[in-house]
C-alpha cells in the first residue's frame, strides 16, 4: 500500500499479515475520499 499525498506522500507499507484478503484501495478512490474529508476535518490537529 502507498500513501499518495501530504507530508508522508510516496511512503509504502504492508497491510497486516492477519488480513490476507485485504486489497489496497485504488489511488483514485483514496483521493476522492480525502478530497471530501478535507473540508469536513482539520487534519493539522491529527
PDB file of N, CA and C in Angstrom:
ATOM      1  N   UNK A   1       0.848  -1.161   0.000  1.00  0.00           N
ATOM      2  CA  UNK A   1       0.000   0.000   0.000  1.00  0.00           C
ATOM      3  C   UNK A   1       0.896   1.227   0.000  1.00  0.00           C
ATOM      4  N   UNK A   2       0.354   2.329  -0.496  1.00  0.00           N
ATOM      5  CA  UNK A   2       1.158   3.538  -0.633  1.00  0.00           C
ATOM      6  C   UNK A   2       0.333   4.751  -0.240  1.00  0.00           C
ATOM      7  N   UNK A   3       0.964   5.680   0.475  1.00  0.00           N
ATOM      8  CA  UNK A   3       0.336   6.956   0.803  1.00  0.00           C
ATOM      9  C   UNK A   3       0.532   7.852  -0.403  1.00  0.00           C
ATOM     10  N   UNK A   4      -0.552   8.472  -0.907  1.00  0.00           N
ATOM     11  CA  UNK A   4      -0.444   9.185  -2.173  1.00  0.00           C
ATOM     12  C   UNK A   4      -0.215  10.682  -2.051  1.00  0.00           C
ATOM     13  N   UNK A   5      -0.390  11.269  -0.881  1.00  0.00           N
ATOM     14  CA  UNK A   5      -0.209  12.713  -0.790  1.00  0.00           C
ATOM     15  C   UNK A   5       0.126  13.172   0.604  1.00  0.00           C
ATOM     16  N   UNK A   6       0.309  14.477   0.711  1.00  0.00           N
ATOM     17  CA  UNK A   6       0.590  15.061   2.006  1.00  0.00           C
ATOM     18  C   UNK A   6       2.037  14.903   2.420  1.00  0.00           C
ATOM     19  N   UNK A   7       2.266  15.149   3.681  1.00  0.00           N
ATOM     20  CA  UNK A   7       3.613  15.115   4.246  1.00  0.00           C
ATOM     21  C   UNK A   7       4.287  13.760   4.065  1.00  0.00           C
ATOM     22  N   UNK A   8       3.509  12.677   4.098  1.00  0.00           N
ATOM     23  CA  UNK A   8       4.059  11.325   4.003  1.00  0.00           C
ATOM     24  C   UNK A   8       3.836  10.699   2.628  1.00  0.00           C
ATOM     25  N   UNK A   9       3.491  11.508   1.636  1.00  0.00           N
ATOM     26  CA  UNK A   9       3.229  11.009   0.298  1.00  0.00           C
ATOM     27  C   UNK A   9       4.389  10.215  -0.272  1.00  0.00           C
ATOM     28  N   UNK A  10       4.082   9.105  -0.898  1.00  0.00           N
ATOM     29  CA  UNK A  10       5.093   8.254  -1.505  1.00  0.00           C
ATOM     30  C   UNK A  10       5.579   7.123  -0.623  1.00  0.00           C
ATOM     31  N   UNK A  11       5.285   7.194   0.663  1.00  0.00           N
ATOM     32  CA  UNK A  11       5.706   6.107   1.561  1.00  0.00           C
ATOM     33  C   UNK A  11       4.897   4.857   1.284  1.00  0.00           C
ATOM     34  N   UNK A  12       5.548   3.715   1.427  1.00  0.00           N
ATOM     35  CA  UNK A  12       4.879   2.429   1.226  1.00  0.00           C
ATOM     36  C   UNK A  12       4.872   1.658   2.534  1.00  0.00           C
ATOM     37  N   UNK A  13       3.833   0.867   2.727  1.00  0.00           N
ATOM     38  CA  UNK A  13       3.769  -0.001   3.898  1.00  0.00           C
ATOM     39  C   UNK A  13       2.958  -1.232   3.556  1.00  0.00           C
ATOM     40  N   UNK A  14       3.163  -2.297   4.299  1.00  0.00           N
ATOM     41  CA  UNK A  14       2.473  -3.561   4.062  1.00  0.00           C
ATOM     42  C   UNK A  14       1.248  -3.681   4.962  1.00  0.00           C
ATOM     43  N   UNK A  15       0.164  -4.268   4.448  1.00  0.00           N
ATOM     44  CA  UNK A  15      -1.013  -4.494   5.292  1.00  0.00           C
ATOM     45  C   UNK A  15      -0.706  -5.551   6.348  1.00  0.00           C
ATOM     46  N   UNK A  16      -1.500  -5.624   7.410  1.00  0.00           N
ATOM     47  CA  UNK A  16      -1.263  -6.634   8.455  1.00  0.00           C
ATOM     48  C   UNK A  16      -1.299  -8.054   7.896  1.00  0.00           C
ATOM     49  N   UNK A  17      -0.438  -8.919   8.409  1.00  0.00           N
ATOM     50  CA  UNK A  17      -0.368 -10.307   7.947  1.00  0.00           C
ATOM     51  C   UNK A  17      -1.621 -11.108   8.275  1.00  0.00           C
ATOM     52  N   UNK A  18      -2.344 -10.708   9.315  1.00  0.00           N
ATOM     53  CA  UNK A  18      -3.538 -11.455   9.705  1.00  0.00           C
ATOM     54  C   UNK A  18      -4.759 -11.084   8.864  1.00  0.00           C
ATOM     55  N   UNK A  19      -4.573 -10.299   7.821  1.00  0.00           N
ATOM     56  CA  UNK A  19      -5.662  -9.900   6.934  1.00  0.00           C
ATOM     57  C   UNK A  19      -5.291 -10.236   5.485  1.00  0.00           C
ATOM     58  N   UNK A  20      -5.194 -11.519   5.143  1.00  0.00           N
ATOM     59  CA  UNK A  20      -4.699 -11.909   3.813  1.00  0.00           C
ATOM     60  C   UNK A  20      -5.624 -11.521   2.663  1.00  0.00           C
ATOM     61  N   UNK A  21      -6.889 -11.261   2.938  1.00  0.00           N
ATOM     62  CA  UNK A  21      -7.826 -10.957   1.857  1.00  0.00           C
ATOM     63  C   UNK A  21      -8.035  -9.460   1.667  1.00  0.00           C
ATOM     64  N   UNK A  22      -7.277  -8.649   2.394  1.00  0.00           N
ATOM     65  CA  UNK A  22      -7.378  -7.201   2.255  1.00  0.00           C
ATOM     66  C   UNK A  22      -6.695  -6.778   0.964  1.00  0.00           C
ATOM     67  N   UNK A  23      -7.400  -5.963   0.189  1.00  0.00           N
ATOM     68  CA  UNK A  23      -6.812  -5.440  -1.040  1.00  0.00           C
ATOM     69  C   UNK A  23      -6.625  -3.936  -0.895  1.00  0.00           C
ATOM     70  N   UNK A  24      -5.586  -3.393  -1.477  1.00  0.00           N
ATOM     71  CA  UNK A  24      -5.372  -1.948  -1.386  1.00  0.00           C
ATOM     72  C   UNK A  24      -6.474  -1.173  -2.105  1.00  0.00           C
ATOM     73  N   UNK A  25      -6.813  -0.024  -1.569  1.00  0.00           N
ATOM     74  CA  UNK A  25      -7.777   0.866  -2.212  1.00  0.00           C
ATOM     75  C   UNK A  25      -7.074   1.551  -3.378  1.00  0.00           C
ATOM     76  N   UNK A  26      -7.781   1.740  -4.472  1.00  0.00           N
ATOM     77  CA  UNK A  26      -7.162   2.402  -5.620  1.00  0.00           C
ATOM     78  C   UNK A  26      -6.838   3.854  -5.279  1.00  0.00           C
ATOM     79  N   UNK A  27      -5.831   4.392  -5.936  1.00  0.00           N
ATOM     80  CA  UNK A  27      -5.423   5.775  -5.683  1.00  0.00           C
ATOM     81  C   UNK A  27      -6.562   6.750  -5.937  1.00  0.00           C
ATOM     82  N   UNK A  28      -7.332   6.527  -6.983  1.00  0.00           N
ATOM     83  CA  UNK A  28      -8.406   7.464  -7.306  1.00  0.00           C
ATOM     84  C   UNK A  28      -9.509   7.439  -6.242  1.00  0.00           C
ATOM     85  N   UNK A  29      -9.761   6.279  -5.645  1.00  0.00           N
ATOM     86  CA  UNK A  29     -10.758   6.190  -4.571  1.00  0.00           C
ATOM     87  C   UNK A  29     -10.256   6.905  -3.324  1.00  0.00           C
ATOM     88  N   UNK A  30      -8.977   6.726  -2.979  1.00  0.00           N
ATOM     89  CA  UNK A  30      -8.405   7.413  -1.814  1.00  0.00           C
ATOM     90  C   UNK A  30      -8.422   8.921  -2.022  1.00  0.00           C
ATOM     91  N   UNK A  31      -8.063   9.355  -3.209  1.00  0.00           N
ATOM     92  CA  UNK A  31      -8.034  10.783  -3.496  1.00  0.00           C
ATOM     93  C   UNK A  31      -9.428  11.387  -3.368  1.00  0.00           C
ATOM     94  N   UNK A  32     -10.422  10.700  -3.896  1.00  0.00           N
ATOM     95  CA  UNK A  32     -11.797  11.185  -3.793  1.00  0.00           C
ATOM     96  C   UNK A  32     -12.270  11.271  -2.355  1.00  0.00           C
ATOM     97  N   UNK A  33     -11.974  10.254  -1.568  1.00  0.00           N
ATOM     98  CA  UNK A  33     -12.365  10.241  -0.159  1.00  0.00           C
ATOM     99  C   UNK A  33     -11.744  11.412   0.592  1.00  0.00           C
ATOM    100  N   UNK A  34     -10.450  11.621   0.432  1.00  0.00           N
ATOM    101  CA  UNK A  34      -9.789  12.684   1.175  1.00  0.00           C
ATOM    102  C   UNK A  34     -10.109  14.068   0.635  1.00  0.00           C
ATOM    103  N   UNK A  35     -10.503  14.189  -0.624  1.00  0.00           N
ATOM    104  CA  UNK A  35     -10.974  15.473  -1.129  1.00  0.00           C
ATOM    105  C   UNK A  35     -12.254  15.886  -0.418  1.00  0.00           C
ATOM    106  N   UNK A  36     -13.119  14.928  -0.128  1.00  0.00           N
ATOM    107  CA  UNK A  36     -14.349  15.213   0.611  1.00  0.00           C
ATOM    108  C   UNK A  36     -14.028  15.509   2.074  1.00  0.00           C
ATOM    109  N   UNK A  37     -13.179  14.680   2.682  1.00  0.00           N
ATOM    110  CA  UNK A  37     -12.875  14.824   4.104  1.00  0.00           C
ATOM    111  C   UNK A  37     -12.107  16.100   4.438  1.00  0.00           C
ATOM    112  N   UNK A  38     -11.317  16.615   3.507  1.00  0.00           N
ATOM    113  CA  UNK A  38     -10.511  17.791   3.824  1.00  0.00           C
ATOM    114  C   UNK A  38     -11.362  18.994   4.192  1.00  0.00           C
ATOM    115  N   UNK A  39     -12.592  19.035   3.717  1.00  0.00           N
ATOM    116  CA  UNK A  39     -13.484  20.139   4.044  1.00  0.00           C
ATOM    117  C   UNK A  39     -14.281  19.878   5.316  1.00  0.00           C
ATOM    118  N   UNK A  40     -14.250  18.656   5.802  1.00  0.00           N
ATOM    119  CA  UNK A  40     -15.008  18.282   6.996  1.00  0.00           C
ATOM    120  C   UNK A  40     -14.136  18.207   8.244  1.00  0.00           C
ATOM    121  N   UNK A  41     -12.846  17.924   8.078  1.00  0.00           N
ATOM    122  CA  UNK A  41     -11.946  17.710   9.212  1.00  0.00           C
ATOM    123  C   UNK A  41     -10.753  18.650   9.134  1.00  0.00           C
ATOM    124  N   UNK A  42     -10.171  18.947  10.283  1.00  0.00           N
ATOM    125  CA  UNK A  42      -8.941  19.726  10.337  1.00  0.00           C
ATOM    126  C   UNK A  42      -7.790  18.752  10.554  1.00  0.00           C
ATOM    127  N   UNK A  43      -7.134  18.346   9.475  1.00  0.00           N
ATOM    128  CA  UNK A  43      -6.082  17.338   9.547  1.00  0.00           C
ATOM    129  C   UNK A  43      -4.830  17.850  10.254  1.00  0.00           C
ATOM    130  N   UNK A  44      -4.670  19.161  10.375  1.00  0.00           N
ATOM    131  CA  UNK A  44      -3.499  19.705  11.056  1.00  0.00           C
ATOM    132  C   UNK A  44      -3.482  19.313  12.526  1.00  0.00           C
ATOM    133  N   UNK A  45      -4.658  19.072  13.111  1.00  0.00           N
ATOM    134  CA  UNK A  45      -4.737  18.719  14.524  1.00  0.00           C
ATOM    135  C   UNK A  45      -4.537  17.234  14.768  1.00  0.00           C
ATOM    136  N   UNK A  46      -4.564  16.406  13.735  1.00  0.00           N
ATOM    137  CA  UNK A  46      -4.444  14.956  13.917  1.00  0.00           C
ATOM    138  C   UNK A  46      -3.025  14.541  14.177  1.00  0.00           C
TER     139      UNK A  46
END
